[in-house]
Amino acid sequence: VSMLGECNWVRNVRAAGGRATLRRRRARPVRLVEIPVEERAPVIRQYVKRVPGGRPHIPVDRHEPVGAFETIAANYPVFRVVPL
């Protein structure tokens, strides 16, 4: 979930056709597949429940129903990580 909405990393991933490298202990190539707007609300809701640092950036309380997240889903790109 892009907690900052449309930002540079989102544009870069789209320009690269979804190819990216995740780095934690080691670098690993992945493909990021963008989730359609109509499927984002439940994912964003789970994100704000699990990621306290993202809450200030998303203007819906984590206790709200999924419907409240549907109204903002178009503003927050969501990607599925697919290992290569």
Protein backbone atom coordinates (compact mmCIF):
# COMPACT_ATOMS: atom_id res chain seq x y z
CA VAL A 1 0.00 0.00 0.00
CA SER A 2 1.32 3.40 -0.91
CA MET A 3 0.46 5.35 2.22
CA LEU A 4 1.44 8.56 0.41
CA GLY A 5 -0.83 7.87 -2.56
CA GLU A 6 0.54 8.64 -6.01
CA CYS A 7 4.25 9.14 -5.35
CA ASN A 8 7.58 8.58 -7.08
CA TRP A 9 8.04 4.92 -6.15
CA VAL A 10 4.58 4.11 -7.53
CA ARG A 11 5.37 5.89 -10.81
CA ASN A 12 8.74 4.12 -11.01
CA VAL A 13 7.17 0.67 -10.50
CA ARG A 14 4.58 1.36 -13.19
CA ALA A 15 7.27 2.62 -15.59
CA ALA A 16 9.27 -0.57 -14.95
CA GLY A 17 6.31 -2.78 -15.78
CA GLY A 18 6.01 -3.90 -12.17
CA ARG A 19 9.60 -5.10 -11.87
CA ALA A 20 11.20 -4.19 -8.55
CA THR A 21 13.77 -5.35 -6.03
CA LEU A 22 12.87 -5.75 -2.36
CA ARG A 23 15.74 -5.37 0.05
CA ARG A 24 15.76 -6.69 3.58
CA ARG A 25 18.52 -9.10 4.51
CA ARG A 26 19.21 -9.67 0.84
CA ALA A 27 17.96 -8.28 -2.43
CA ARG A 28 15.28 -10.28 -4.18
CA PRO A 29 13.61 -9.51 -7.51
CA VAL A 30 9.82 -9.34 -7.46
CA ARG A 31 6.95 -8.25 -9.64
CA LEU A 32 4.47 -5.79 -8.15
CA VAL A 33 0.99 -6.27 -9.57
CA GLU A 34 -1.34 -3.34 -9.05
CA ILE A 35 -4.68 -4.26 -7.50
CA PRO A 36 -7.76 -2.72 -9.19
CA VAL A 37 -9.42 0.15 -7.31
CA GLU A 38 -12.58 -1.86 -6.64
CA GLU A 39 -10.54 -4.51 -4.75
CA ARG A 40 -8.35 -2.17 -2.67
CA ALA A 41 -10.63 -1.21 0.24
CA PRO A 42 -10.25 -4.41 2.32
CA VAL A 43 -6.49 -4.40 1.79
CA ILE A 44 -6.15 -0.76 2.87
CA ARG A 45 -8.31 -1.46 5.92
CA GLN A 46 -6.01 -4.33 6.99
CA TYR A 47 -3.00 -2.13 6.31
CA VAL A 48 -4.11 0.60 8.71
CA LYS A 49 -4.94 -2.03 11.33
CA ARG A 50 -1.45 -3.59 11.13
CA VAL A 51 0.84 -0.66 10.27
CA PRO A 52 0.65 2.10 12.89
CA GLY A 53 3.06 4.31 10.92
CA GLY A 54 0.66 4.42 7.99
CA ARG A 55 -2.38 5.54 9.97
CA PRO A 56 -1.64 9.29 9.96
CA HIS A 57 -1.48 9.26 6.16
CA ILE A 58 -4.80 7.53 5.48
CA PRO A 59 -7.83 9.63 6.50
CA VAL A 60 -10.07 6.76 7.63
CA ASP A 61 -10.07 5.34 11.15
CA ARG A 62 -8.94 1.72 11.37
CA HIS A 63 -12.20 0.77 13.11
CA GLU A 64 -14.41 1.99 10.25
CA PRO A 65 -16.18 -0.56 8.02
CA VAL A 66 -14.79 -1.46 4.61
CA GLY A 67 -17.28 0.90 2.96
CA ALA A 68 -15.47 3.90 4.43
CA PHE A 69 -12.25 2.74 2.77
CA GLU A 70 -13.98 2.38 -0.60
CA THR A 71 -14.36 6.16 -0.77
CA ILE A 72 -10.57 6.70 -0.60
CA ALA A 73 -9.34 3.56 -2.39
CA ALA A 74 -8.69 5.33 -5.71
CA ASN A 75 -6.20 7.64 -3.97
CA TYR A 76 -3.99 4.88 -2.54
CA PRO A 77 -2.30 2.46 -4.96
CA VAL A 78 -2.04 -1.12 -3.71
CA PHE A 79 0.29 -3.77 -5.14
CA ARG A 80 0.54 -7.53 -4.68
CA VAL A 81 4.12 -8.80 -4.35
CA VAL A 82 4.84 -11.78 -6.61
CA PRO A 83 8.22 -13.50 -6.15
CA LEU A 84 10.17 -14.20 -9.32
